Structures are given as C-alpha cells and as structure tokens.
Amino acid sequence: QVHLVESGGGLVQAGGSLRLSCAASGRSFSTFAMGWFRQVPGKEREFVAAITRSGDITYYSDSVKGRFTISRDNAKNTGDLQMNSLKPEDTAVYYCACGEITRVNNYYYSQRNSYDSWGQGTQVTVSS
C-alpha cells in the first residue's frame, strides 16, 4: 500500500478554480494507478477522475469532464487535480486513491474497489 495525503481544498466561489494535490509515500508511486473520488454526507463516494501508472491515459466522470484535469509526477510522487469552472454541486470531500490497475478500461478505474490505498480527504466548498 501507499500512504496518501491530500491538500489544497478550501472555499471558492462558483466559477472559480482550485488545485488539489496528493502526496504519496511508501511503495513506489509509479507502480500504481491514481484516482480522485468525492463524497457528500449521505451519499456514496463517487468517481471523479483517474490516471494510469505512466500518466498517458486519463478518465473522467461526465460531471467533471472538460472542467477538471488530473495529472501526476512520478518523479515527485505527487498527483494533482486541477478544478476549473467550479459549481456548487462540486462541493464534497475529495479523496485521492491508488490501486494496482493494469487494464486499460475506464470501468476498472472508476470503481472504488479497484483502489486499496486512500487519503484522509480534503474539503472543497463551492459557494453560489
């Protein structure tokens, strides 16, 4: 497993931007796919975005496609989620996660049980 710590959450007005970061330690970060999920109270944790081990392929949920960009820097053991054009419905706790996903198929990257390492989460609040 990998130890993950998110940062960068906060309060922003609708239409604004935030950049979340995920710092990894422990096992080699480059051997894991990385994903971002989010959760609001009373709802299940939902998929936001994912990136392959090498960073050459990315996946997004329909709700964030075109607004969010996931990236990673394996040399620095970090991953980012750039969030633009934020909406109030983006308000949630955001989690980064890592998993040994090898299939190039968006189904596996979007499933919570594909990931076995999770960060503690960072709150993102978008005001209207």
Foldseek 3Di string as FASTA:
>chain_A
DKAKAKDWADEEAAQAKTKMKIAIDDPQQLQWKKFKWWDDPPDDIWGAKIAHSVRPDIDGDPVQPPFWDKGADSVRRMIMIIGGRDDQVVWTWMKMFIANDDDPDVVLVGDPVRTDYIYPTDTHGYHD
